[in-house]
Amino acid sequence: MKPYLLALGVGLLVGVLYSLLNVRSPAPPVVALVGLLGILLGEQLVPIAKRLLDGHPLSLSVLHAEARQHIFGQLPGRSGRDTV
């Protein structure tokens, strides 16, 4: 969690600096970020649909094991361990 808080803090400082200099941020608008989230979630629909069409049950543990790592990346505190 510490890297995320550090990144947020640095981002806030840069935002304040941009504002003081009257410079427009090069960051993408929120609608683009929402679109990226949609892409990440949409990529998970095909494997889920294939699993269901093959007759395999869909459970929370399957979603946790197959989709979580792809969507969220390496989460803080996991240190490379696979704790499924």
C-alpha atoms as a PDB file:
ATOM      1  CA  MET A   1       0.000   0.000   0.000  1.00  0.00           C
ATOM      2  CA  LYS A   2       2.946   2.305   0.664  1.00  0.00           C
ATOM      3  CA  PRO A   3       3.969   2.598  -3.043  1.00  0.00           C
ATOM      4  CA  TYR A   4       0.397   3.554  -3.948  1.00  0.00           C
ATOM      5  CA  LEU A   5       0.273   6.260  -1.290  1.00  0.00           C
ATOM      6  CA  LEU A   6       3.690   7.540  -2.362  1.00  0.00           C
ATOM      7  CA  ALA A   7       2.556   7.669  -6.003  1.00  0.00           C
ATOM      8  CA  LEU A   8      -0.604   9.530  -4.994  1.00  0.00           C
ATOM      9  CA  GLY A   9       1.397  12.033  -2.946  1.00  0.00           C
ATOM     10  CA  VAL A  10       3.875  12.692  -5.745  1.00  0.00           C
ATOM     11  CA  GLY A  11       0.998  13.042  -8.200  1.00  0.00           C
ATOM     12  CA  LEU A  12      -0.665  15.612  -5.958  1.00  0.00           C
ATOM     13  CA  LEU A  13       2.568  17.588  -5.677  1.00  0.00           C
ATOM     14  CA  VAL A  14       3.027  17.593  -9.454  1.00  0.00           C
ATOM     15  CA  GLY A  15      -0.603  18.667  -9.874  1.00  0.00           C
ATOM     16  CA  VAL A  16      -0.074  21.599  -7.522  1.00  0.00           C
ATOM     17  CA  LEU A  17       3.108  22.553  -9.392  1.00  0.00           C
ATOM     18  CA  TYR A  18       1.275  22.423 -12.735  1.00  0.00           C
ATOM     19  CA  SER A  19      -1.475  24.596 -11.316  1.00  0.00           C
ATOM     20  CA  LEU A  20       0.975  27.178  -9.983  1.00  0.00           C
ATOM     21  CA  LEU A  21       2.718  27.319 -13.374  1.00  0.00           C
ATOM     22  CA  ASN A  22      -0.607  27.469 -15.273  1.00  0.00           C
ATOM     23  CA  VAL A  23       0.397  24.378 -17.263  1.00  0.00           C
ATOM     24  CA  ARG A  24      -2.193  21.881 -18.486  1.00  0.00           C
ATOM     25  CA  SER A  25      -1.606  18.323 -17.275  1.00  0.00           C
ATOM     26  CA  PRO A  26      -0.639  15.753 -19.924  1.00  0.00           C
ATOM     27  CA  ALA A  27      -2.625  13.091 -18.073  1.00  0.00           C
ATOM     28  CA  PRO A  28      -5.488  11.482 -19.987  1.00  0.00           C
ATOM     29  CA  PRO A  29      -9.015  12.614 -19.141  1.00  0.00           C
ATOM     30  CA  VAL A  30     -11.075  10.482 -16.777  1.00  0.00           C
ATOM     31  CA  VAL A  31     -13.197   9.152 -19.644  1.00  0.00           C
ATOM     32  CA  ALA A  32     -10.051   7.611 -21.185  1.00  0.00           C
ATOM     33  CA  LEU A  33      -9.142   5.959 -17.890  1.00  0.00           C
ATOM     34  CA  VAL A  34     -12.657   4.540 -17.595  1.00  0.00           C
ATOM     35  CA  GLY A  35     -12.257   3.183 -21.126  1.00  0.00           C
ATOM     36  CA  LEU A  36      -9.015   1.467 -20.121  1.00  0.00           C
ATOM     37  CA  LEU A  37     -10.784  -0.120 -17.164  1.00  0.00           C
ATOM     38  CA  GLY A  38     -13.455  -1.361 -19.564  1.00  0.00           C
ATOM     39  CA  ILE A  39     -10.772  -2.927 -21.746  1.00  0.00           C
ATOM     40  CA  LEU A  40      -9.245  -4.744 -18.761  1.00  0.00           C
ATOM     41  CA  LEU A  41     -12.633  -6.050 -17.632  1.00  0.00           C
ATOM     42  CA  GLY A  42     -13.698  -6.929 -21.175  1.00  0.00           C
ATOM     43  CA  GLU A  43     -10.582  -9.054 -21.675  1.00  0.00           C
ATOM     44  CA  GLN A  44     -11.799 -11.241 -18.833  1.00  0.00           C
ATOM     45  CA  LEU A  45     -15.226 -11.896 -20.386  1.00  0.00           C
ATOM     46  CA  VAL A  46     -13.946 -14.256 -23.109  1.00  0.00           C
ATOM     47  CA  PRO A  47     -12.139 -16.680 -20.739  1.00  0.00           C
ATOM     48  CA  ILE A  48     -15.163 -16.641 -18.410  1.00  0.00           C
ATOM     49  CA  ALA A  49     -17.564 -17.311 -21.311  1.00  0.00           C
ATOM     50  CA  LYS A  50     -15.336 -20.150 -22.604  1.00  0.00           C
ATOM     51  CA  ARG A  51     -15.261 -21.689 -19.148  1.00  0.00           C
ATOM     52  CA  LEU A  52     -19.046 -21.534 -18.851  1.00  0.00           C
ATOM     53  CA  LEU A  53     -19.584 -22.925 -22.382  1.00  0.00           C
ATOM     54  CA  ASP A  54     -17.265 -25.832 -21.580  1.00  0.00           C
ATOM     55  CA  GLY A  55     -19.556 -26.699 -18.672  1.00  0.00           C
ATOM     56  CA  HIS A  56     -17.145 -25.769 -15.898  1.00  0.00           C
ATOM     57  CA  PRO A  57     -18.586 -24.035 -12.855  1.00  0.00           C
ATOM     58  CA  LEU A  58     -17.743 -20.407 -12.232  1.00  0.00           C
ATOM     59  CA  SER A  59     -16.791 -19.597  -8.671  1.00  0.00           C
ATOM     60  CA  LEU A  60     -15.273 -16.682  -6.858  1.00  0.00           C
ATOM     61  CA  SER A  61     -12.026 -18.614  -6.393  1.00  0.00           C
ATOM     62  CA  VAL A  62     -11.729 -19.092 -10.172  1.00  0.00           C
ATOM     63  CA  LEU A  63     -12.221 -15.378 -10.760  1.00  0.00           C
ATOM     64  CA  HIS A  64      -9.707 -14.611  -8.025  1.00  0.00           C
ATOM     65  CA  ALA A  65      -7.102 -16.931  -9.500  1.00  0.00           C
ATOM     66  CA  GLU A  66      -7.551 -16.115 -13.186  1.00  0.00           C
ATOM     67  CA  ALA A  67      -8.702 -12.491 -13.402  1.00  0.00           C
ATOM     68  CA  ARG A  68      -7.450 -10.631 -10.346  1.00  0.00           C
ATOM     69  CA  GLN A  69      -3.754 -10.727 -11.188  1.00  0.00           C
ATOM     70  CA  HIS A  70      -4.395  -9.526 -14.741  1.00  0.00           C
ATOM     71  CA  ILE A  71      -6.638  -6.634 -13.714  1.00  0.00           C
ATOM     72  CA  PHE A  72      -4.787  -5.376 -10.634  1.00  0.00           C
ATOM     73  CA  GLY A  73      -1.206  -6.413 -11.383  1.00  0.00           C
ATOM     74  CA  GLN A  74       1.193  -7.140  -8.554  1.00  0.00           C
ATOM     75  CA  LEU A  75      -0.490  -5.926  -5.387  1.00  0.00           C
ATOM     76  CA  PRO A  76       1.546  -4.457  -2.527  1.00  0.00           C
ATOM     77  CA  GLY A  77       2.700  -6.848   0.150  1.00  0.00           C
ATOM     78  CA  ARG A  78       2.565  -9.969  -2.029  1.00  0.00           C
ATOM     79  CA  SER A  79       6.330 -10.036  -2.704  1.00  0.00           C
ATOM     80  CA  GLY A  80       6.063 -12.489  -5.572  1.00  0.00           C
ATOM     81  CA  ARG A  81       4.206 -15.187  -3.625  1.00  0.00           C
ATOM     82  CA  ASP A  82       1.149 -16.728  -5.227  1.00  0.00           C
ATOM     83  CA  THR A  83      -1.352 -16.937  -2.368  1.00  0.00           C
ATOM     84  CA  VAL A  84      -4.433 -18.305  -4.100  1.00  0.00           C
END
